[in-house]
N, C-alpha and C. Protein backbone atom coordinates (compact mmCIF):
# COMPACT_ATOMS: atom_id res chain seq x y z
N UNK A 1 0.85 -1.19 0.00
CA UNK A 1 0.00 0.00 0.00
C UNK A 1 0.88 1.24 0.00
N UNK A 2 0.71 2.15 -0.95
CA UNK A 2 1.57 3.33 -1.02
C UNK A 2 1.36 4.24 0.19
N UNK A 3 2.40 4.94 0.62
CA UNK A 3 2.25 5.82 1.77
C UNK A 3 1.29 6.96 1.48
N UNK A 4 0.55 7.36 2.50
CA UNK A 4 -0.37 8.48 2.35
C UNK A 4 0.41 9.79 2.35
N UNK A 5 0.03 10.74 1.50
CA UNK A 5 0.74 12.03 1.48
C UNK A 5 0.53 12.77 2.79
N UNK A 6 1.50 13.58 3.15
CA UNK A 6 1.36 14.40 4.34
C UNK A 6 0.18 15.35 4.17
N UNK A 7 -0.53 15.69 5.28
CA UNK A 7 -1.73 16.51 5.16
C UNK A 7 -1.48 17.91 4.60
N UNK A 8 -0.24 18.37 4.66
CA UNK A 8 0.04 19.71 4.14
C UNK A 8 0.50 19.68 2.69
N UNK A 9 0.65 18.49 2.11
CA UNK A 9 1.14 18.40 0.74
C UNK A 9 0.02 18.68 -0.26
N UNK A 10 0.32 19.40 -1.36
CA UNK A 10 -0.69 19.59 -2.41
C UNK A 10 -1.20 18.24 -2.91
N UNK A 11 -2.47 18.23 -3.30
CA UNK A 11 -3.12 16.97 -3.64
C UNK A 11 -2.94 16.58 -5.11
N UNK A 12 -2.83 17.58 -5.97
CA UNK A 12 -2.86 17.30 -7.40
C UNK A 12 -1.72 18.02 -8.10
N UNK A 13 -0.95 17.29 -8.89
CA UNK A 13 0.11 17.89 -9.69
C UNK A 13 -0.43 18.13 -11.10
N UNK A 14 -0.59 19.38 -11.49
CA UNK A 14 -1.18 19.66 -12.81
C UNK A 14 -0.31 19.11 -13.93
N UNK A 15 -0.96 18.60 -14.97
CA UNK A 15 -0.25 18.08 -16.14
C UNK A 15 -0.58 18.87 -17.39
N UNK A 16 -1.64 19.65 -17.36
CA UNK A 16 -2.05 20.42 -18.53
C UNK A 16 -2.00 21.90 -18.20
N UNK A 17 -1.89 22.72 -19.24
CA UNK A 17 -1.78 24.16 -19.07
C UNK A 17 -2.96 24.74 -18.29
N UNK A 18 -4.15 24.27 -18.60
CA UNK A 18 -5.34 24.79 -17.92
C UNK A 18 -5.29 24.47 -16.43
N UNK A 19 -4.82 23.28 -16.10
CA UNK A 19 -4.72 22.91 -14.69
C UNK A 19 -3.67 23.76 -13.97
N UNK A 20 -2.55 24.03 -14.64
CA UNK A 20 -1.53 24.91 -14.06
C UNK A 20 -2.10 26.31 -13.83
N UNK A 21 -2.90 26.80 -14.77
CA UNK A 21 -3.50 28.12 -14.62
C UNK A 21 -4.47 28.16 -13.44
N UNK A 22 -5.24 27.09 -13.27
CA UNK A 22 -6.17 27.03 -12.14
C UNK A 22 -5.41 26.99 -10.82
N UNK A 23 -4.37 26.20 -10.78
CA UNK A 23 -3.54 26.15 -9.58
C UNK A 23 -2.96 27.53 -9.25
N UNK A 24 -2.50 28.24 -10.27
CA UNK A 24 -1.95 29.57 -10.07
C UNK A 24 -3.01 30.54 -9.57
N UNK A 25 -4.22 30.42 -10.09
CA UNK A 25 -5.33 31.26 -9.63
C UNK A 25 -5.58 31.04 -8.14
N UNK A 26 -5.53 29.79 -7.73
CA UNK A 26 -5.75 29.48 -6.31
C UNK A 26 -4.65 30.11 -5.45
N UNK A 27 -3.41 29.97 -5.87
CA UNK A 27 -2.30 30.49 -5.09
C UNK A 27 -2.32 32.01 -5.03
N UNK A 28 -2.60 32.66 -6.16
CA UNK A 28 -2.66 34.12 -6.16
C UNK A 28 -3.82 34.62 -5.30
N UNK A 29 -4.95 33.94 -5.39
CA UNK A 29 -6.09 34.32 -4.56
C UNK A 29 -5.77 34.11 -3.09
N UNK A 30 -5.12 33.01 -2.78
CA UNK A 30 -4.77 32.72 -1.39
C UNK A 30 -3.82 33.78 -0.83
N UNK A 31 -2.87 34.22 -1.64
CA UNK A 31 -1.95 35.27 -1.19
C UNK A 31 -2.72 36.53 -0.81
N UNK A 32 -3.70 36.90 -1.59
CA UNK A 32 -4.49 38.09 -1.28
C UNK A 32 -5.33 37.88 -0.02
N UNK A 33 -5.92 36.71 0.09
CA UNK A 33 -6.77 36.42 1.25
C UNK A 33 -5.95 36.37 2.54
N UNK A 34 -4.82 35.69 2.52
CA UNK A 34 -3.99 35.61 3.73
C UNK A 34 -3.45 36.98 4.11
N UNK A 35 -3.09 37.79 3.11
CA UNK A 35 -2.58 39.13 3.41
C UNK A 35 -3.65 39.99 4.07
N UNK A 36 -4.90 39.79 3.69
CA UNK A 36 -5.98 40.60 4.24
C UNK A 36 -6.52 40.05 5.56
N UNK A 37 -6.68 38.72 5.66
CA UNK A 37 -7.36 38.13 6.81
C UNK A 37 -6.44 37.41 7.80
N UNK A 38 -5.21 37.13 7.39
CA UNK A 38 -4.32 36.38 8.26
C UNK A 38 -4.54 34.88 8.14
N UNK A 39 -3.77 34.12 8.94
CA UNK A 39 -3.82 32.67 8.86
C UNK A 39 -5.14 32.11 9.39
N UNK A 40 -5.58 32.56 10.55
CA UNK A 40 -6.76 31.98 11.18
C UNK A 40 -8.02 32.20 10.36
N UNK A 41 -8.21 33.42 9.85
CA UNK A 41 -9.43 33.75 9.12
C UNK A 41 -9.30 33.56 7.61
N UNK A 42 -8.13 33.17 7.16
CA UNK A 42 -7.95 32.92 5.72
C UNK A 42 -8.41 31.52 5.36
N UNK A 43 -9.71 31.34 5.26
CA UNK A 43 -10.30 30.03 5.06
C UNK A 43 -10.29 29.60 3.60
N UNK A 44 -10.46 28.32 3.39
CA UNK A 44 -10.55 27.83 2.01
C UNK A 44 -11.79 28.36 1.31
N UNK A 45 -12.86 28.62 2.06
CA UNK A 45 -14.06 29.21 1.45
C UNK A 45 -13.73 30.59 0.88
N UNK A 46 -13.01 31.38 1.64
CA UNK A 46 -12.64 32.71 1.16
C UNK A 46 -11.69 32.62 -0.03
N UNK A 47 -10.75 31.69 0.04
CA UNK A 47 -9.80 31.54 -1.06
C UNK A 47 -10.52 31.12 -2.33
N UNK A 48 -11.42 30.15 -2.22
CA UNK A 48 -12.16 29.69 -3.39
C UNK A 48 -12.99 30.83 -3.98
N UNK A 49 -13.65 31.61 -3.12
CA UNK A 49 -14.46 32.73 -3.61
C UNK A 49 -13.58 33.77 -4.31
N UNK A 50 -12.40 34.06 -3.74
CA UNK A 50 -11.49 35.03 -4.35
C UNK A 50 -11.00 34.53 -5.70
N UNK A 51 -10.81 33.21 -5.82
CA UNK A 51 -10.35 32.62 -7.08
C UNK A 51 -11.48 32.36 -8.06
N UNK A 52 -12.71 32.59 -7.62
CA UNK A 52 -13.91 32.34 -8.42
C UNK A 52 -13.99 30.87 -8.83
N UNK A 53 -13.78 30.04 -7.83
CA UNK A 53 -13.89 28.60 -8.00
C UNK A 53 -14.77 28.03 -6.90
N UNK A 54 -15.27 26.84 -7.11
CA UNK A 54 -15.96 26.16 -6.03
C UNK A 54 -14.94 25.61 -5.04
N UNK A 55 -15.37 25.41 -3.80
CA UNK A 55 -14.47 24.82 -2.82
C UNK A 55 -14.06 23.42 -3.26
N UNK A 56 -14.97 22.71 -3.89
CA UNK A 56 -14.65 21.38 -4.38
C UNK A 56 -13.53 21.40 -5.40
N UNK A 57 -13.53 22.40 -6.29
CA UNK A 57 -12.46 22.52 -7.26
C UNK A 57 -11.13 22.82 -6.57
N UNK A 58 -11.17 23.67 -5.55
CA UNK A 58 -9.94 23.97 -4.80
C UNK A 58 -9.38 22.71 -4.17
N UNK A 59 -10.27 21.88 -3.60
CA UNK A 59 -9.81 20.68 -2.91
C UNK A 59 -9.23 19.64 -3.86
N UNK A 60 -9.47 19.78 -5.15
CA UNK A 60 -8.82 18.89 -6.11
C UNK A 60 -7.32 19.15 -6.19
N UNK A 61 -6.92 20.36 -5.80
CA UNK A 61 -5.51 20.74 -5.88
C UNK A 61 -4.82 20.77 -4.51
N UNK A 62 -5.57 21.19 -3.48
CA UNK A 62 -4.99 21.33 -2.14
C UNK A 62 -5.97 20.77 -1.11
N UNK A 63 -5.49 19.93 -0.19
CA UNK A 63 -6.40 19.33 0.79
C UNK A 63 -6.85 20.29 1.87
N UNK A 64 -6.10 21.37 2.11
CA UNK A 64 -6.45 22.31 3.17
C UNK A 64 -5.65 23.61 2.95
N UNK A 65 -5.92 24.59 3.78
CA UNK A 65 -5.25 25.88 3.60
C UNK A 65 -3.77 25.82 3.95
N UNK A 66 -3.39 24.91 4.86
CA UNK A 66 -1.97 24.82 5.20
C UNK A 66 -1.14 24.30 4.04
N UNK A 67 -1.72 23.46 3.20
CA UNK A 67 -0.99 23.01 2.01
C UNK A 67 -0.79 24.16 1.03
N UNK A 68 -1.76 25.07 0.98
CA UNK A 68 -1.60 26.26 0.13
C UNK A 68 -0.52 27.16 0.71
N UNK A 69 -0.55 27.35 2.03
CA UNK A 69 0.47 28.16 2.68
C UNK A 69 1.86 27.59 2.44
N UNK A 70 1.98 26.26 2.55
CA UNK A 70 3.28 25.63 2.32
C UNK A 70 3.78 25.93 0.91
N UNK A 71 2.91 25.82 -0.08
CA UNK A 71 3.31 26.09 -1.46
C UNK A 71 3.75 27.53 -1.63
N UNK A 72 3.01 28.46 -1.04
CA UNK A 72 3.39 29.87 -1.12
C UNK A 72 4.72 30.12 -0.42
N UNK A 73 4.94 29.49 0.74
CA UNK A 73 6.19 29.68 1.47
C UNK A 73 7.37 29.11 0.69
N UNK A 74 7.18 27.94 0.09
CA UNK A 74 8.25 27.35 -0.72
C UNK A 74 8.58 28.24 -1.91
N UNK A 75 7.56 28.80 -2.53
CA UNK A 75 7.80 29.72 -3.64
C UNK A 75 8.59 30.94 -3.18
N UNK A 76 8.25 31.43 -1.99
CA UNK A 76 8.97 32.60 -1.46
C UNK A 76 10.44 32.27 -1.20
N UNK A 77 10.70 31.11 -0.62
CA UNK A 77 12.09 30.70 -0.37
C UNK A 77 12.85 30.59 -1.69
N UNK A 78 12.21 29.99 -2.69
CA UNK A 78 12.86 29.86 -4.00
C UNK A 78 13.10 31.22 -4.65
N UNK A 79 12.13 32.14 -4.50
CA UNK A 79 12.30 33.49 -5.04
C UNK A 79 13.48 34.19 -4.38
N UNK A 80 13.61 34.02 -3.06
CA UNK A 80 14.71 34.65 -2.34
C UNK A 80 16.04 34.09 -2.80
N UNK A 81 16.12 32.77 -2.94
CA UNK A 81 17.36 32.14 -3.41
C UNK A 81 17.73 32.64 -4.80
N UNK A 82 16.73 32.78 -5.66
CA UNK A 82 16.99 33.27 -7.02
C UNK A 82 17.42 34.73 -6.98
N UNK A 83 16.82 35.53 -6.10
CA UNK A 83 17.20 36.95 -5.99
C UNK A 83 18.66 37.08 -5.57
N UNK A 84 19.11 36.21 -4.66
CA UNK A 84 20.51 36.24 -4.25
C UNK A 84 21.41 35.86 -5.43
N UNK A 85 21.03 34.83 -6.17
CA UNK A 85 21.83 34.42 -7.34
C UNK A 85 21.94 35.56 -8.34
N UNK A 86 20.82 36.21 -8.62
CA UNK A 86 20.82 37.30 -9.60
C UNK A 86 21.69 38.45 -9.11
N UNK A 87 21.62 38.77 -7.81
CA UNK A 87 22.39 39.88 -7.27
C UNK A 87 23.89 39.63 -7.37
N UNK A 88 24.30 38.36 -7.42
CA UNK A 88 25.72 38.02 -7.51
C UNK A 88 26.16 37.68 -8.93
N UNK A 89 25.20 37.60 -9.84
CA UNK A 89 25.54 37.26 -11.22
C UNK A 89 26.38 38.36 -11.85
N UNK A 90 27.35 37.96 -12.64
CA UNK A 90 28.17 38.93 -13.34
C UNK A 90 29.37 39.43 -12.58
N UNK A 91 29.53 38.99 -11.33
CA UNK A 91 30.72 39.40 -10.60
C UNK A 91 31.95 38.73 -11.19
N UNK A 92 33.08 39.40 -11.19
CA UNK A 92 34.29 38.78 -11.75
C UNK A 92 34.78 37.63 -10.88
N UNK A 93 35.63 36.81 -11.47
CA UNK A 93 36.17 35.66 -10.74
C UNK A 93 37.21 36.06 -9.71
N UNK A 94 37.80 37.22 -9.89
CA UNK A 94 38.84 37.67 -8.97
C UNK A 94 38.26 38.32 -7.73
N UNK A 95 39.09 39.07 -7.01
CA UNK A 95 38.65 39.74 -5.78
C UNK A 95 37.52 40.74 -6.05
N UNK A 96 36.52 40.72 -5.17
CA UNK A 96 35.39 41.64 -5.26
C UNK A 96 35.22 42.29 -3.90
N UNK A 97 35.33 43.62 -3.80
CA UNK A 97 35.20 44.27 -2.49
C UNK A 97 33.80 44.09 -1.91
N UNK A 98 33.73 44.05 -0.60
CA UNK A 98 32.47 43.79 0.07
C UNK A 98 31.44 44.86 -0.23
N UNK A 99 31.88 46.10 -0.44
CA UNK A 99 30.91 47.17 -0.69
C UNK A 99 30.31 47.08 -2.09
N UNK A 100 30.77 46.12 -2.87
CA UNK A 100 30.17 45.91 -4.19
C UNK A 100 29.08 44.84 -4.16
N UNK A 101 29.31 43.76 -3.41
CA UNK A 101 28.34 42.66 -3.45
C UNK A 101 27.36 42.67 -2.28
N UNK A 102 27.78 43.14 -1.11
CA UNK A 102 26.90 43.07 0.06
C UNK A 102 25.64 43.91 -0.09
N UNK A 103 25.73 45.20 -0.51
CA UNK A 103 24.48 45.96 -0.68
C UNK A 103 23.54 45.34 -1.71
N UNK A 104 24.11 44.69 -2.74
CA UNK A 104 23.25 44.06 -3.75
C UNK A 104 22.49 42.88 -3.17
N UNK A 105 23.18 42.07 -2.37
CA UNK A 105 22.53 40.91 -1.76
C UNK A 105 21.45 41.34 -0.77
N UNK A 106 21.83 42.26 0.13
CA UNK A 106 20.87 42.72 1.14
C UNK A 106 19.69 43.43 0.48
N UNK A 107 19.97 44.26 -0.51
CA UNK A 107 18.91 44.98 -1.19
C UNK A 107 17.93 44.06 -1.89
N UNK A 108 18.45 43.00 -2.51
CA UNK A 108 17.58 42.05 -3.20
C UNK A 108 16.65 41.36 -2.21
N UNK A 109 17.20 40.95 -1.07
CA UNK A 109 16.38 40.27 -0.05
C UNK A 109 15.37 41.24 0.56
N UNK A 110 15.81 42.45 0.87
CA UNK A 110 14.91 43.43 1.48
C UNK A 110 13.78 43.81 0.54
N UNK A 111 14.09 44.01 -0.73
CA UNK A 111 13.05 44.39 -1.70
C UNK A 111 12.00 43.30 -1.82
N UNK A 112 12.45 42.06 -1.87
CA UNK A 112 11.53 40.94 -2.02
C UNK A 112 10.64 40.80 -0.78
N UNK A 113 11.23 40.93 0.40
CA UNK A 113 10.49 40.74 1.64
C UNK A 113 9.53 41.89 1.92
N UNK A 114 9.88 43.10 1.50
CA UNK A 114 9.01 44.25 1.78
C UNK A 114 7.93 44.43 0.72
N UNK A 115 7.92 43.58 -0.26
CA UNK A 115 6.92 43.70 -1.34
C UNK A 115 5.51 43.49 -0.79
N UNK A 116 5.34 42.53 0.11
CA UNK A 116 4.03 42.26 0.71
C UNK A 116 4.28 41.82 2.15
N UNK A 117 4.55 42.78 3.05
CA UNK A 117 4.94 42.41 4.41
C UNK A 117 3.88 41.65 5.18
N UNK A 118 2.61 41.93 4.92
CA UNK A 118 1.54 41.23 5.65
C UNK A 118 1.53 39.75 5.27
N UNK A 119 1.66 39.45 4.00
CA UNK A 119 1.70 38.06 3.57
C UNK A 119 2.95 37.38 4.13
N UNK A 120 4.07 38.08 4.11
CA UNK A 120 5.31 37.52 4.65
C UNK A 120 5.13 37.14 6.12
N UNK A 121 4.44 37.99 6.88
CA UNK A 121 4.23 37.71 8.29
C UNK A 121 3.35 36.46 8.48
N UNK A 122 2.34 36.32 7.64
CA UNK A 122 1.48 35.14 7.73
C UNK A 122 2.27 33.88 7.41
N UNK A 123 3.07 33.94 6.35
CA UNK A 123 3.80 32.75 5.91
C UNK A 123 4.82 32.28 6.93
N UNK A 124 5.49 33.21 7.61
CA UNK A 124 6.62 32.82 8.44
C UNK A 124 6.47 33.14 9.93
N UNK A 125 5.34 33.75 10.31
CA UNK A 125 5.09 34.02 11.72
C UNK A 125 3.86 33.28 12.23
N UNK A 126 2.84 33.16 11.40
CA UNK A 126 1.56 32.64 11.87
C UNK A 126 1.29 31.20 11.46
N UNK A 127 1.91 30.74 10.41
CA UNK A 127 1.55 29.42 9.86
C UNK A 127 2.54 28.36 10.32
N UNK A 128 2.14 27.07 10.22
CA UNK A 128 3.04 25.97 10.60
C UNK A 128 4.27 25.92 9.70
N UNK A 129 5.33 25.30 10.21
CA UNK A 129 6.55 25.12 9.44
C UNK A 129 6.85 23.62 9.33
N UNK A 130 6.28 22.96 8.35
CA UNK A 130 6.51 21.51 8.21
C UNK A 130 7.96 21.23 7.82
N UNK A 131 8.40 19.99 7.99
CA UNK A 131 9.80 19.64 7.75
C UNK A 131 10.29 19.97 6.34
N UNK A 132 9.45 19.79 5.32
CA UNK A 132 9.94 20.05 3.97
C UNK A 132 10.19 21.54 3.73
N UNK A 133 9.44 22.42 4.42
CA UNK A 133 9.72 23.85 4.31
C UNK A 133 11.04 24.18 4.99
N UNK A 134 11.26 23.63 6.18
CA UNK A 134 12.52 23.87 6.89
C UNK A 134 13.71 23.33 6.09
N UNK A 135 13.52 22.17 5.47
CA UNK A 135 14.60 21.58 4.68
C UNK A 135 14.95 22.48 3.49
N UNK A 136 13.94 23.01 2.82
CA UNK A 136 14.21 23.89 1.67
C UNK A 136 14.84 25.20 2.14
N UNK A 137 14.39 25.71 3.26
CA UNK A 137 14.95 26.93 3.81
C UNK A 137 16.44 26.75 4.14
N UNK A 138 16.77 25.64 4.79
CA UNK A 138 18.17 25.38 5.15
C UNK A 138 19.02 25.15 3.91
N UNK A 139 18.44 24.54 2.89
CA UNK A 139 19.17 24.34 1.62
C UNK A 139 19.52 25.68 0.99
N UNK A 140 18.54 26.61 1.00
CA UNK A 140 18.79 27.94 0.44
C UNK A 140 19.84 28.69 1.25
N UNK A 141 19.80 28.53 2.57
CA UNK A 141 20.80 29.17 3.43
C UNK A 141 22.20 28.65 3.12
N UNK A 142 22.32 27.33 2.95
CA UNK A 142 23.63 26.75 2.65
C UNK A 142 24.16 27.24 1.31
N UNK A 143 23.27 27.34 0.33
CA UNK A 143 23.67 27.83 -0.99
C UNK A 143 24.17 29.27 -0.91
N UNK A 144 23.44 30.12 -0.19
CA UNK A 144 23.85 31.52 -0.04
C UNK A 144 25.16 31.63 0.72
N UNK A 145 25.30 30.82 1.78
CA UNK A 145 26.53 30.87 2.58
C UNK A 145 27.74 30.44 1.76
N UNK A 146 27.57 29.46 0.89
CA UNK A 146 28.68 29.01 0.05
C UNK A 146 29.11 30.13 -0.89
N UNK A 147 28.15 30.86 -1.44
CA UNK A 147 28.49 31.97 -2.33
C UNK A 147 29.20 33.08 -1.57
N UNK A 148 28.73 33.40 -0.38
CA UNK A 148 29.37 34.44 0.43
C UNK A 148 30.77 34.01 0.85
N UNK A 149 30.92 32.75 1.23
CA UNK A 149 32.25 32.26 1.62
C UNK A 149 33.25 32.43 0.48
N UNK A 150 32.83 32.11 -0.74
CA UNK A 150 33.72 32.27 -1.88
C UNK A 150 34.16 33.72 -2.04
N UNK A 151 33.23 34.66 -1.84
CA UNK A 151 33.56 36.08 -1.95
C UNK A 151 34.50 36.52 -0.84
N UNK A 152 34.29 36.03 0.35
CA UNK A 152 35.16 36.39 1.48
C UNK A 152 36.59 35.90 1.24
N UNK A 153 36.71 34.70 0.71
CA UNK A 153 38.05 34.13 0.49
C UNK A 153 38.80 34.86 -0.62
N UNK A 154 38.07 35.51 -1.52
CA UNK A 154 38.72 36.20 -2.64
C UNK A 154 39.02 37.66 -2.36
N UNK A 155 38.58 38.18 -1.22
CA UNK A 155 38.76 39.59 -0.90
C UNK A 155 40.04 39.77 -0.08
N UNK A 156 41.08 40.40 -0.63
CA UNK A 156 42.33 40.55 0.11
C UNK A 156 42.21 41.47 1.32
N UNK A 157 41.18 42.31 1.35
CA UNK A 157 41.00 43.22 2.48
C UNK A 157 40.26 42.57 3.64
N UNK A 158 39.71 41.38 3.40
CA UNK A 158 39.01 40.66 4.46
C UNK A 158 39.68 39.31 4.64
N UNK A 159 40.16 39.06 5.83
CA UNK A 159 40.80 37.77 6.10
C UNK A 159 40.21 37.19 7.38
N UNK A 160 38.94 36.77 7.31
CA UNK A 160 38.32 36.21 8.51
C UNK A 160 39.03 34.94 8.97
N UNK A 161 39.06 34.75 10.27
CA UNK A 161 39.72 33.58 10.83
C UNK A 161 39.09 32.29 10.32
N UNK A 162 37.78 32.31 10.14
CA UNK A 162 37.05 31.13 9.66
C UNK A 162 36.04 31.61 8.61
N UNK A 163 36.42 31.63 7.32
CA UNK A 163 35.52 32.15 6.28
C UNK A 163 34.19 31.44 6.20
N UNK A 164 34.21 30.12 6.42
CA UNK A 164 32.95 29.37 6.36
C UNK A 164 32.00 29.83 7.46
N UNK A 165 32.51 29.94 8.66
CA UNK A 165 31.67 30.39 9.78
C UNK A 165 31.20 31.82 9.57
N UNK A 166 32.11 32.69 9.12
CA UNK A 166 31.73 34.08 8.90
C UNK A 166 30.64 34.19 7.83
N UNK A 167 30.73 33.38 6.79
CA UNK A 167 29.70 33.40 5.74
C UNK A 167 28.36 32.98 6.29
N UNK A 168 28.35 31.96 7.13
CA UNK A 168 27.09 31.52 7.74
C UNK A 168 26.51 32.61 8.63
N UNK A 169 27.37 33.31 9.36
CA UNK A 169 26.90 34.41 10.21
C UNK A 169 26.30 35.52 9.35
N UNK A 170 26.97 35.87 8.27
CA UNK A 170 26.47 36.93 7.39
C UNK A 170 25.08 36.59 6.87
N UNK A 171 24.91 35.37 6.37
CA UNK A 171 23.61 34.97 5.82
C UNK A 171 22.55 34.97 6.92
N UNK A 172 22.88 34.45 8.08
CA UNK A 172 21.92 34.39 9.18
C UNK A 172 21.52 35.79 9.64
N UNK A 173 22.47 36.70 9.72
CA UNK A 173 22.18 38.06 10.16
C UNK A 173 21.28 38.77 9.14
N UNK A 174 21.62 38.66 7.88
CA UNK A 174 20.82 39.31 6.84
C UNK A 174 19.39 38.77 6.86
N UNK A 175 19.25 37.46 6.86
CA UNK A 175 17.92 36.85 6.86
C UNK A 175 17.13 37.24 8.10
N UNK A 176 17.77 37.17 9.25
CA UNK A 176 17.08 37.43 10.50
C UNK A 176 16.63 38.88 10.61
N UNK A 177 17.50 39.83 10.27
CA UNK A 177 17.15 41.24 10.39
C UNK A 177 16.08 41.66 9.38
N UNK A 178 16.22 41.18 8.15
CA UNK A 178 15.19 41.49 7.14
C UNK A 178 13.85 40.94 7.61
N UNK A 179 13.83 39.71 8.04
CA UNK A 179 12.58 39.08 8.47
C UNK A 179 11.98 39.81 9.67
N UNK A 180 12.81 40.14 10.66
CA UNK A 180 12.30 40.77 11.87
C UNK A 180 11.67 42.14 11.58
N UNK A 181 12.36 42.96 10.79
CA UNK A 181 11.82 44.28 10.49
C UNK A 181 10.56 44.19 9.65
N UNK A 182 10.56 43.30 8.67
CA UNK A 182 9.38 43.18 7.80
C UNK A 182 8.20 42.63 8.58
N UNK A 183 8.43 41.65 9.46
CA UNK A 183 7.34 41.02 10.20
C UNK A 183 6.79 41.91 11.30
N UNK A 184 7.65 42.72 11.92
CA UNK A 184 7.21 43.45 13.11
C UNK A 184 7.06 44.96 12.89
N UNK A 185 7.83 45.55 12.01
CA UNK A 185 7.77 47.00 11.81
C UNK A 185 7.83 47.37 10.33
N UNK A 186 6.92 46.85 9.53
CA UNK A 186 7.02 47.09 8.08
C UNK A 186 6.82 48.54 7.67
N UNK A 187 6.14 49.33 8.49
CA UNK A 187 5.83 50.71 8.10
C UNK A 187 6.81 51.72 8.68
N UNK A 188 7.78 51.26 9.45
CA UNK A 188 8.66 52.20 10.14
C UNK A 188 10.02 52.36 9.47
N UNK A 189 10.28 51.58 8.43
CA UNK A 189 11.56 51.70 7.75
C UNK A 189 11.38 51.34 6.28
N UNK A 190 11.99 52.11 5.40
CA UNK A 190 11.89 51.84 3.97
C UNK A 190 12.92 50.78 3.57
N UNK A 191 12.73 50.25 2.38
CA UNK A 191 13.67 49.23 1.90
C UNK A 191 15.10 49.76 1.80
N UNK A 192 15.34 50.98 1.23
CA UNK A 192 16.72 51.48 1.20
C UNK A 192 17.30 51.70 2.59
N UNK A 193 16.48 52.20 3.52
CA UNK A 193 16.96 52.39 4.90
C UNK A 193 17.32 51.07 5.54
N UNK A 194 16.45 50.08 5.36
CA UNK A 194 16.71 48.76 5.93
C UNK A 194 17.99 48.18 5.36
N UNK A 195 18.16 48.29 4.05
CA UNK A 195 19.38 47.80 3.40
C UNK A 195 20.61 48.47 3.99
N UNK A 196 20.57 49.79 4.13
CA UNK A 196 21.71 50.52 4.67
C UNK A 196 22.06 50.11 6.08
N UNK A 197 21.06 49.92 6.92
CA UNK A 197 21.30 49.53 8.31
C UNK A 197 21.94 48.14 8.38
N UNK A 198 21.41 47.20 7.59
CA UNK A 198 21.94 45.83 7.64
C UNK A 198 23.36 45.78 7.07
N UNK A 199 23.60 46.51 5.99
CA UNK A 199 24.95 46.56 5.42
C UNK A 199 25.94 47.09 6.46
N UNK A 200 25.54 48.12 7.21
CA UNK A 200 26.43 48.67 8.24
C UNK A 200 26.73 47.64 9.32
N UNK A 201 25.71 46.89 9.74
CA UNK A 201 25.91 45.86 10.77
C UNK A 201 26.86 44.77 10.27
N UNK A 202 26.61 44.27 9.07
CA UNK A 202 27.42 43.16 8.55
C UNK A 202 28.84 43.62 8.25
N UNK A 203 28.99 44.82 7.70
CA UNK A 203 30.34 45.33 7.43
C UNK A 203 31.14 45.47 8.72
N UNK A 204 30.50 45.96 9.77
CA UNK A 204 31.17 46.06 11.05
C UNK A 204 31.59 44.71 11.59
N UNK A 205 30.71 43.71 11.44
CA UNK A 205 31.06 42.36 11.88
C UNK A 205 32.24 41.81 11.10
N UNK A 206 32.22 41.96 9.79
CA UNK A 206 33.32 41.43 8.98
C UNK A 206 34.65 42.09 9.33
N UNK A 207 34.60 43.38 9.65
CA UNK A 207 35.82 44.05 10.06
C UNK A 207 36.38 43.49 11.35
N UNK A 208 35.50 43.16 12.29
CA UNK A 208 35.96 42.59 13.55
C UNK A 208 36.39 41.14 13.40
N UNK A 209 35.78 40.44 12.41
CA UNK A 209 36.13 39.03 12.23
C UNK A 209 37.44 38.84 11.47
N UNK A 210 37.99 39.93 10.93
CA UNK A 210 39.21 39.83 10.13
C UNK A 210 40.44 39.70 11.01
N UNK A 211 41.33 38.79 10.62
CA UNK A 211 42.59 38.60 11.33
C UNK A 211 43.60 39.60 10.82
N UNK A 212 44.15 40.39 11.70
CA UNK A 212 45.12 41.41 11.28
C UNK A 212 46.52 40.81 11.19
């Protein structure tokens, strides 16, 4: 007997264009509903109505609202990972000063997270975090840390005692500060201000982590 899917897993994998479009309609509608009503009041009835579908049609794709939230959260993690890749694309293979790549990385993350702060808060503050979401999140963190470590090792002005550890700290600090400000104080700081503050914090840390 095949194993039963986890209750938060999507129920149906679309195979045709029309099915993919319907799935996208559900996800886009859910994003609007969760942003307006939050996790508790963001019901499947409201999502179906926003998508102009019957609840039965919605359940063909997702067994419950948490499976929709999981899909949206996974998409957000993937978007963030891609934003980091794009911000680092085109850098030369040789030494790259920190003031060239760090603001680009932080700015990309801050812009993405501040695009819809209410939805971001629902996805990562109010909703469950199943193992597959945590696994994807940690995978994205490792990928970003590896890229930062490579940049640290190539910068002659930065000689951290442990580049791997310093890279992990940089990624953790950026992610944590962006998330905290967006989740708790989205209206009190703009994206450029947030980027500038985080760059200052990380630059100060890297200076202290450098072996003279």
